Amino acid sequence: MEHIFGRDHYRVIALIARIADISPEEAGQVTTAWKRTSPADRAKAWTELVRTTTETERYQILAAASLARREALAAAHRMQRMDWAFWAAASDAAAAVAAGPEIGNPYQTLTAPLATVMPSLAGRQAPADTSAADVTTAGRGGARTRKSASTP
């Protein structure tokens, strides 16, 4: 069964669900961290995501990013905080989680701002298998191989 958010769909769903629980202070921390990240580093990370994923994986990554951005917009509206960096950080992090931690540095770059308030995003290793029961422990275990965009 293929899920809209890819192999790490439970982790993506957990991240998106957690966005609604972020406090105004935490949103400020995320925003500050996102603004400290180099725009060039973020662009390189997104480029690497596109370069190393298949068309189907890119769709899943963008679906995760889109929903996370909408959830962050709704949370920001409730908090009366309209800094777009918060929305961008949520979108970046969801994209990275959907792609999986085995993408390496791009994962760290894109998740770091949100990881300031969601420490479970930081320092992940490639998951062996993800199930509903191990949303919080996904990321430990064996590596998963990723097809490049040019590989059938």
C-alpha atoms as a PDB file:
ATOM      1  CA  MET A   1       0.000   0.000   0.000  1.00  0.00           C
ATOM      2  CA  GLU A   2       1.405   3.361  -1.006  1.00  0.00           C
ATOM      3  CA  HIS A   3       0.695   6.324   1.246  1.00  0.00           C
ATOM      4  CA  ILE A   4       0.404   9.928   0.174  1.00  0.00           C
ATOM      5  CA  PHE A   5       3.398  10.922   2.329  1.00  0.00           C
ATOM      6  CA  GLY A   6       5.640   8.006   1.344  1.00  0.00           C
ATOM      7  CA  ARG A   7       7.347   5.376   3.466  1.00  0.00           C
ATOM      8  CA  ASP A   8       7.662   7.633   6.508  1.00  0.00           C
ATOM      9  CA  HIS A   9       3.989   8.627   6.438  1.00  0.00           C
ATOM     10  CA  TYR A  10       3.459   8.046  10.171  1.00  0.00           C
ATOM     11  CA  ARG A  11       6.313  10.374  11.043  1.00  0.00           C
ATOM     12  CA  VAL A  12       4.959  13.009   8.641  1.00  0.00           C
ATOM     13  CA  ILE A  13       1.486  12.730  10.176  1.00  0.00           C
ATOM     14  CA  ALA A  14       2.951  12.959  13.695  1.00  0.00           C
ATOM     15  CA  LEU A  15       4.913  16.092  12.733  1.00  0.00           C
ATOM     16  CA  ILE A  16       1.864  17.736  11.135  1.00  0.00           C
ATOM     17  CA  ALA A  17      -0.341  16.886  14.126  1.00  0.00           C
ATOM     18  CA  ARG A  18       2.226  18.399  16.509  1.00  0.00           C
ATOM     19  CA  ILE A  19       2.212  21.760  14.671  1.00  0.00           C
ATOM     20  CA  ALA A  20      -1.160  22.657  16.226  1.00  0.00           C
ATOM     21  CA  ASP A  21       0.344  22.244  19.718  1.00  0.00           C
ATOM     22  CA  ILE A  22       3.183  24.717  19.192  1.00  0.00           C
ATOM     23  CA  SER A  23       3.004  27.669  21.578  1.00  0.00           C
ATOM     24  CA  PRO A  24       3.608  31.282  20.519  1.00  0.00           C
ATOM     25  CA  GLU A  25       7.006  31.158  22.238  1.00  0.00           C
ATOM     26  CA  GLU A  26       7.945  27.984  20.396  1.00  0.00           C
ATOM     27  CA  ALA A  27       6.778  29.503  17.108  1.00  0.00           C
ATOM     28  CA  GLY A  28       9.138  32.384  17.822  1.00  0.00           C
ATOM     29  CA  GLN A  29      12.021  29.959  18.391  1.00  0.00           C
ATOM     30  CA  VAL A  30      11.270  28.173  15.120  1.00  0.00           C
ATOM     31  CA  THR A  31      11.042  31.464  13.238  1.00  0.00           C
ATOM     32  CA  THR A  32      14.342  32.699  14.653  1.00  0.00           C
ATOM     33  CA  ALA A  33      16.081  29.411  13.822  1.00  0.00           C
ATOM     34  CA  TRP A  34      14.677  29.391  10.259  1.00  0.00           C
ATOM     35  CA  LYS A  35      15.879  32.949   9.657  1.00  0.00           C
ATOM     36  CA  ARG A  36      19.371  32.002  10.897  1.00  0.00           C
ATOM     37  CA  THR A  37      19.635  29.216   8.326  1.00  0.00           C
ATOM     38  CA  SER A  38      21.398  30.267   5.157  1.00  0.00           C
ATOM     39  CA  PRO A  39      19.013  30.689   2.210  1.00  0.00           C
ATOM     40  CA  ALA A  40      21.723  29.104   0.039  1.00  0.00           C
ATOM     41  CA  ASP A  41      21.833  26.048   2.330  1.00  0.00           C
ATOM     42  CA  ARG A  42      18.038  25.700   2.153  1.00  0.00           C
ATOM     43  CA  ALA A  43      18.139  26.006  -1.640  1.00  0.00           C
ATOM     44  CA  LYS A  44      20.870  23.341  -1.825  1.00  0.00           C
ATOM     45  CA  ALA A  45      18.821  21.058   0.416  1.00  0.00           C
ATOM     46  CA  TRP A  46      15.716  21.406  -1.746  1.00  0.00           C
ATOM     47  CA  THR A  47      17.816  20.891  -4.880  1.00  0.00           C
ATOM     48  CA  GLU A  48      19.203  17.677  -3.407  1.00  0.00           C
ATOM     49  CA  LEU A  49      15.666  16.491  -2.586  1.00  0.00           C
ATOM     50  CA  VAL A  50      14.605  17.019  -6.178  1.00  0.00           C
ATOM     51  CA  ARG A  51      17.790  15.541  -7.642  1.00  0.00           C
ATOM     52  CA  THR A  52      17.764  12.342  -5.598  1.00  0.00           C
ATOM     53  CA  THR A  53      14.080  11.399  -5.625  1.00  0.00           C
ATOM     54  CA  THR A  54      11.745   9.842  -8.127  1.00  0.00           C
ATOM     55  CA  GLU A  55       8.716  11.650  -9.503  1.00  0.00           C
ATOM     56  CA  THR A  56       6.428   9.722  -7.149  1.00  0.00           C
ATOM     57  CA  GLU A  57       8.623  10.540  -4.152  1.00  0.00           C
ATOM     58  CA  ARG A  58       8.677  14.223  -5.109  1.00  0.00           C
ATOM     59  CA  TYR A  59       4.866  14.234  -5.191  1.00  0.00           C
ATOM     60  CA  GLN A  60       4.817  12.705  -1.688  1.00  0.00           C
ATOM     61  CA  ILE A  61       7.386  15.225  -0.431  1.00  0.00           C
ATOM     62  CA  LEU A  62       5.429  18.168  -1.834  1.00  0.00           C
ATOM     63  CA  ALA A  63       2.141  16.811  -0.441  1.00  0.00           C
ATOM     64  CA  ALA A  64       3.699  16.638   3.036  1.00  0.00           C
ATOM     65  CA  ALA A  65       5.190  20.120   2.689  1.00  0.00           C
ATOM     66  CA  SER A  66       1.883  21.564   1.503  1.00  0.00           C
ATOM     67  CA  LEU A  67      -0.188  20.117   4.334  1.00  0.00           C
ATOM     68  CA  ALA A  68       2.386  21.146   6.951  1.00  0.00           C
ATOM     69  CA  ARG A  69       2.368  24.683   5.583  1.00  0.00           C
ATOM     70  CA  ARG A  70      -1.448  24.820   5.829  1.00  0.00           C
ATOM     71  CA  GLU A  71      -1.360  23.517   9.400  1.00  0.00           C
ATOM     72  CA  ALA A  72       1.307  26.061  10.310  1.00  0.00           C
ATOM     73  CA  LEU A  73      -0.785  28.848   8.758  1.00  0.00           C
ATOM     74  CA  ALA A  74      -3.779  27.770  10.842  1.00  0.00           C
ATOM     75  CA  ALA A  75      -1.668  27.558  14.009  1.00  0.00           C
ATOM     76  CA  ALA A  76      -0.117  30.961  13.339  1.00  0.00           C
ATOM     77  CA  HIS A  77      -3.558  32.460  12.802  1.00  0.00           C
ATOM     78  CA  ARG A  78      -4.762  31.075  16.164  1.00  0.00           C
ATOM     79  CA  MET A  79      -1.637  32.518  17.829  1.00  0.00           C
ATOM     80  CA  GLN A  80      -2.013  35.806  15.939  1.00  0.00           C
ATOM     81  CA  ARG A  81       1.575  35.386  14.667  1.00  0.00           C
ATOM     82  CA  MET A  82       1.816  35.889  10.955  1.00  0.00           C
ATOM     83  CA  ASP A  83       5.552  35.549  10.330  1.00  0.00           C
ATOM     84  CA  TRP A  84       5.900  33.501   7.148  1.00  0.00           C
ATOM     85  CA  ALA A  85       9.194  31.967   8.330  1.00  0.00           C
ATOM     86  CA  PHE A  86       7.179  29.741  10.687  1.00  0.00           C
ATOM     87  CA  TRP A  87       5.130  28.376   7.788  1.00  0.00           C
ATOM     88  CA  ALA A  88       8.269  27.861   5.703  1.00  0.00           C
ATOM     89  CA  ALA A  89      10.009  25.989   8.533  1.00  0.00           C
ATOM     90  CA  ALA A  90       7.053  23.626   8.908  1.00  0.00           C
ATOM     91  CA  SER A  91       6.947  23.037   5.168  1.00  0.00           C
ATOM     92  CA  ASP A  92      10.700  22.385   4.968  1.00  0.00           C
ATOM     93  CA  ALA A  93      10.631  19.964   7.892  1.00  0.00           C
ATOM     94  CA  ALA A  94       7.699  17.959   6.545  1.00  0.00           C
ATOM     95  CA  ALA A  95       9.388  17.684   3.154  1.00  0.00           C
ATOM     96  CA  ALA A  96      12.557  16.375   4.775  1.00  0.00           C
ATOM     97  CA  VAL A  97      10.663  13.875   6.934  1.00  0.00           C
ATOM     98  CA  ALA A  98       8.768  12.613   3.878  1.00  0.00           C
ATOM     99  CA  ALA A  99      12.074  12.221   2.013  1.00  0.00           C
ATOM    100  CA  GLY A 100      13.628  10.428   4.973  1.00  0.00           C
ATOM    101  CA  PRO A 101      16.740  11.023   7.053  1.00  0.00           C
ATOM    102  CA  GLU A 102      18.938   9.005   4.719  1.00  0.00           C
ATOM    103  CA  ILE A 103      19.148  12.079   2.484  1.00  0.00           C
ATOM    104  CA  GLY A 104      21.808  13.283   4.922  1.00  0.00           C
ATOM    105  CA  ASN A 105      22.680  16.952   5.243  1.00  0.00           C
ATOM    106  CA  PRO A 106      19.524  18.205   3.492  1.00  0.00           C
ATOM    107  CA  TYR A 107      17.479  16.470   6.201  1.00  0.00           C
ATOM    108  CA  GLN A 108      19.385  18.266   8.942  1.00  0.00           C
ATOM    109  CA  THR A 109      19.197  21.626   7.142  1.00  0.00           C
ATOM    110  CA  LEU A 110      15.452  21.424   6.553  1.00  0.00           C
ATOM    111  CA  THR A 111      14.431  20.001   9.937  1.00  0.00           C
ATOM    112  CA  ALA A 112      16.768  22.004  12.206  1.00  0.00           C
ATOM    113  CA  PRO A 113      14.479  25.040  12.751  1.00  0.00           C
ATOM    114  CA  LEU A 114      11.450  22.932  13.729  1.00  0.00           C
ATOM    115  CA  ALA A 115      13.705  20.557  15.688  1.00  0.00           C
ATOM    116  CA  THR A 116      14.290  23.428  18.144  1.00  0.00           C
ATOM    117  CA  VAL A 117      10.812  22.633  19.493  1.00  0.00           C
ATOM    118  CA  MET A 118      10.473  19.052  18.218  1.00  0.00           C
ATOM    119  CA  PRO A 119      13.736  17.421  19.300  1.00  0.00           C
ATOM    120  CA  SER A 120      12.657  14.071  17.854  1.00  0.00           C
ATOM    121  CA  LEU A 121      13.428  15.521  14.398  1.00  0.00           C
ATOM    122  CA  ALA A 122      17.102  16.082  15.192  1.00  0.00           C
ATOM    123  CA  GLY A 123      19.823  13.536  14.634  1.00  0.00           C
ATOM    124  CA  ARG A 124      17.725  10.876  12.935  1.00  0.00           C
ATOM    125  CA  GLN A 125      19.257   7.928  11.154  1.00  0.00           C
ATOM    126  CA  ALA A 126      17.654   6.010   8.328  1.00  0.00           C
ATOM    127  CA  PRO A 127      14.610   3.954   9.409  1.00  0.00           C
ATOM    128  CA  ALA A 128      14.419   0.194   8.919  1.00  0.00           C
ATOM    129  CA  ASP A 129      10.620   0.145   8.965  1.00  0.00           C
ATOM    130  CA  THR A 130       7.997   2.569  10.214  1.00  0.00           C
ATOM    131  CA  SER A 131       4.685   1.536  11.706  1.00  0.00           C
ATOM    132  CA  ALA A 132       2.022   3.306  13.731  1.00  0.00           C
ATOM    133  CA  ALA A 133       3.443   1.797  16.906  1.00  0.00           C
ATOM    134  CA  ASP A 134       6.871   3.324  16.468  1.00  0.00           C
ATOM    135  CA  VAL A 135       6.252   6.871  15.339  1.00  0.00           C
ATOM    136  CA  THR A 136       8.511   8.146  18.108  1.00  0.00           C
ATOM    137  CA  THR A 137      11.272   5.608  17.511  1.00  0.00           C
ATOM    138  CA  ALA A 138      11.348   5.588  13.719  1.00  0.00           C
ATOM    139  CA  GLY A 139      14.774   6.333  12.359  1.00  0.00           C
ATOM    140  CA  ARG A 140      16.773   3.692  14.176  1.00  0.00           C
ATOM    141  CA  GLY A 141      18.018   0.716  12.260  1.00  0.00           C
ATOM    142  CA  GLY A 142      19.019  -0.156   8.729  1.00  0.00           C
ATOM    143  CA  ALA A 143      19.335   2.133   5.760  1.00  0.00           C
ATOM    144  CA  ARG A 144      16.771   2.411   3.012  1.00  0.00           C
ATOM    145  CA  THR A 145      17.983   2.856  -0.519  1.00  0.00           C
ATOM    146  CA  ARG A 146      16.684   5.701  -2.621  1.00  0.00           C
ATOM    147  CA  LYS A 147      16.447   5.669  -6.368  1.00  0.00           C
ATOM    148  CA  SER A 148      17.830   8.674  -8.136  1.00  0.00           C
ATOM    149  CA  ALA A 149      15.549  10.588 -10.488  1.00  0.00           C
ATOM    150  CA  SER A 150      17.292   8.943 -13.453  1.00  0.00           C
ATOM    151  CA  THR A 151      16.896   5.380 -12.133  1.00  0.00           C
ATOM    152  CA  PRO A 152      13.748   3.535 -13.271  1.00  0.00           C
END
